[in-house]
């Protein structure tokens, strides 16, 4: 498995985590728990965790191509949802 992580600082991390889940759950399986949420895509999984000021997104896919697709999909939607709070999503290898 190939993995990466993005950390987005925001005043409303839980709100954006929920917004991503609600948006995708119409077509994708979403799991919610006290530890965080996850969205299962055909190319991999995105695990979401919210702290007081950070939305943490961990993505996992079978290969680099699927990982890049998953990163793009999740980041584009988050940027669209955060239009009042411009953001740049930077993905780092989970090993970094």
C-alpha atoms as a PDB file:
ATOM      1  CA  UNK A   1       0.000   0.000   0.000  1.00  0.00           C
ATOM      2  CA  UNK A   2       1.060   3.559  -0.733  1.00  0.00           C
ATOM      3  CA  UNK A   3       0.147   6.241   1.806  1.00  0.00           C
ATOM      4  CA  UNK A   4       0.405   9.971   2.333  1.00  0.00           C
ATOM      5  CA  UNK A   5      -0.889  12.625   4.697  1.00  0.00           C
ATOM      6  CA  UNK A   6      -1.998  16.241   4.521  1.00  0.00           C
ATOM      7  CA  UNK A   7      -2.542  18.508   7.522  1.00  0.00           C
ATOM      8  CA  UNK A   8      -4.737  21.556   7.002  1.00  0.00           C
ATOM      9  CA  UNK A   9      -4.842  24.203   9.705  1.00  0.00           C
ATOM     10  CA  UNK A  10      -8.297  25.709  10.126  1.00  0.00           C
ATOM     11  CA  UNK A  11     -10.570  27.077  12.833  1.00  0.00           C
ATOM     12  CA  UNK A  12     -13.245  24.541  11.810  1.00  0.00           C
ATOM     13  CA  UNK A  13     -11.605  21.149  11.188  1.00  0.00           C
ATOM     14  CA  UNK A  14     -14.592  19.107  12.409  1.00  0.00           C
ATOM     15  CA  UNK A  15     -16.951  21.046  10.169  1.00  0.00           C
ATOM     16  CA  UNK A  16     -14.858  20.334   7.063  1.00  0.00           C
ATOM     17  CA  UNK A  17     -14.405  16.690   8.016  1.00  0.00           C
ATOM     18  CA  UNK A  18     -18.176  16.303   8.268  1.00  0.00           C
ATOM     19  CA  UNK A  19     -18.761  18.230   5.057  1.00  0.00           C
ATOM     20  CA  UNK A  20     -16.424  15.917   3.131  1.00  0.00           C
ATOM     21  CA  UNK A  21     -18.141  12.854   4.590  1.00  0.00           C
ATOM     22  CA  UNK A  22     -21.654  14.109   3.883  1.00  0.00           C
ATOM     23  CA  UNK A  23     -20.710  15.018   0.333  1.00  0.00           C
ATOM     24  CA  UNK A  24     -19.169  11.656  -0.508  1.00  0.00           C
ATOM     25  CA  UNK A  25     -21.561   9.381   1.404  1.00  0.00           C
ATOM     26  CA  UNK A  26     -24.133   9.708  -1.370  1.00  0.00           C
ATOM     27  CA  UNK A  27     -21.908   7.536  -3.580  1.00  0.00           C
ATOM     28  CA  UNK A  28     -19.181   6.120  -1.319  1.00  0.00           C
ATOM     29  CA  UNK A  29     -19.148   4.175   1.963  1.00  0.00           C
ATOM     30  CA  UNK A  30     -18.410   6.434   4.932  1.00  0.00           C
ATOM     31  CA  UNK A  31     -17.504   5.212   8.406  1.00  0.00           C
ATOM     32  CA  UNK A  32     -17.724   7.468  11.439  1.00  0.00           C
ATOM     33  CA  UNK A  33     -16.189   6.843  14.858  1.00  0.00           C
ATOM     34  CA  UNK A  34     -14.914   8.764  17.874  1.00  0.00           C
ATOM     35  CA  UNK A  35     -11.353   8.384  16.548  1.00  0.00           C
ATOM     36  CA  UNK A  36     -12.199   9.845  13.121  1.00  0.00           C
ATOM     37  CA  UNK A  37     -14.008   9.184   9.883  1.00  0.00           C
ATOM     38  CA  UNK A  38     -13.102   7.351   6.707  1.00  0.00           C
ATOM     39  CA  UNK A  39     -14.317   7.424   3.137  1.00  0.00           C
ATOM     40  CA  UNK A  40     -13.803   4.381   0.917  1.00  0.00           C
ATOM     41  CA  UNK A  41     -13.195   5.110  -2.760  1.00  0.00           C
ATOM     42  CA  UNK A  42     -12.680   2.649  -5.605  1.00  0.00           C
ATOM     43  CA  UNK A  43      -8.969   3.585  -5.634  1.00  0.00           C
ATOM     44  CA  UNK A  44      -8.340   3.645  -1.874  1.00  0.00           C
ATOM     45  CA  UNK A  45      -9.344   5.050   1.505  1.00  0.00           C
ATOM     46  CA  UNK A  46      -9.196   8.518   3.029  1.00  0.00           C
ATOM     47  CA  UNK A  47      -9.096   8.635   6.835  1.00  0.00           C
ATOM     48  CA  UNK A  48     -10.035  11.955   8.409  1.00  0.00           C
ATOM     49  CA  UNK A  49      -9.182  13.165  11.895  1.00  0.00           C
ATOM     50  CA  UNK A  50      -9.957  16.563  13.400  1.00  0.00           C
ATOM     51  CA  UNK A  51      -7.989  18.161  16.218  1.00  0.00           C
ATOM     52  CA  UNK A  52      -8.749  21.572  17.722  1.00  0.00           C
ATOM     53  CA  UNK A  53      -7.191  23.404  14.779  1.00  0.00           C
ATOM     54  CA  UNK A  54      -6.158  20.837  12.173  1.00  0.00           C
ATOM     55  CA  UNK A  55      -7.874  18.532   9.698  1.00  0.00           C
ATOM     56  CA  UNK A  56      -5.638  15.502   9.155  1.00  0.00           C
ATOM     57  CA  UNK A  57      -6.211  13.499   5.990  1.00  0.00           C
ATOM     58  CA  UNK A  58      -4.476  10.143   5.578  1.00  0.00           C
ATOM     59  CA  UNK A  59      -4.910   8.494   2.179  1.00  0.00           C
ATOM     60  CA  UNK A  60      -4.005   4.938   1.257  1.00  0.00           C
ATOM     61  CA  UNK A  61      -4.067   3.274  -2.155  1.00  0.00           C
ATOM     62  CA  UNK A  62      -2.617   0.220  -3.915  1.00  0.00           C
ATOM     63  CA  UNK A  63      -0.159   2.160  -6.086  1.00  0.00           C
ATOM     64  CA  UNK A  64       1.211   5.635  -6.808  1.00  0.00           C
ATOM     65  CA  UNK A  65      -1.262   6.320  -9.621  1.00  0.00           C
ATOM     66  CA  UNK A  66      -4.302   5.528  -7.464  1.00  0.00           C
ATOM     67  CA  UNK A  67      -2.793   7.523  -4.611  1.00  0.00           C
ATOM     68  CA  UNK A  68      -2.380  10.582  -6.856  1.00  0.00           C
ATOM     69  CA  UNK A  69      -6.006  10.239  -7.992  1.00  0.00           C
ATOM     70  CA  UNK A  70      -7.254   9.987  -4.419  1.00  0.00           C
ATOM     71  CA  UNK A  71      -5.163  12.960  -3.282  1.00  0.00           C
ATOM     72  CA  UNK A  72      -6.526  15.045  -6.145  1.00  0.00           C
ATOM     73  CA  UNK A  73     -10.174  14.174  -5.492  1.00  0.00           C
ATOM     74  CA  UNK A  74     -10.013  14.828  -1.750  1.00  0.00           C
ATOM     75  CA  UNK A  75      -7.975  18.033  -2.064  1.00  0.00           C
ATOM     76  CA  UNK A  76     -10.166  19.535  -4.816  1.00  0.00           C
ATOM     77  CA  UNK A  77     -13.306  18.995  -2.771  1.00  0.00           C
ATOM     78  CA  UNK A  78     -11.785  20.378   0.423  1.00  0.00           C
ATOM     79  CA  UNK A  79     -10.516  23.489  -1.375  1.00  0.00           C
ATOM     80  CA  UNK A  80     -13.979  24.027  -2.839  1.00  0.00           C
ATOM     81  CA  UNK A  81     -15.623  23.666   0.591  1.00  0.00           C
ATOM     82  CA  UNK A  82     -13.098  26.051   2.180  1.00  0.00           C
ATOM     83  CA  UNK A  83     -13.674  28.883  -0.331  1.00  0.00           C
ATOM     84  CA  UNK A  84     -14.033  31.430   2.496  1.00  0.00           C
ATOM     85  CA  UNK A  85     -10.760  30.271   3.979  1.00  0.00           C
ATOM     86  CA  UNK A  86      -8.330  29.789   1.066  1.00  0.00           C
ATOM     87  CA  UNK A  87      -6.134  26.760   1.579  1.00  0.00           C
ATOM     88  CA  UNK A  88      -3.405  24.845  -0.164  1.00  0.00           C
ATOM     89  CA  UNK A  89      -3.304  21.100   0.469  1.00  0.00           C
ATOM     90  CA  UNK A  90       0.207  19.630   0.597  1.00  0.00           C
ATOM     91  CA  UNK A  91       0.579  15.858   0.669  1.00  0.00           C
ATOM     92  CA  UNK A  92       3.587  14.253   2.350  1.00  0.00           C
ATOM     93  CA  UNK A  93       4.683  10.626   2.244  1.00  0.00           C
ATOM     94  CA  UNK A  94       3.456   8.940   5.401  1.00  0.00           C
ATOM     95  CA  UNK A  95       7.049   7.848   6.004  1.00  0.00           C
ATOM     96  CA  UNK A  96       8.167  11.500   6.062  1.00  0.00           C
END
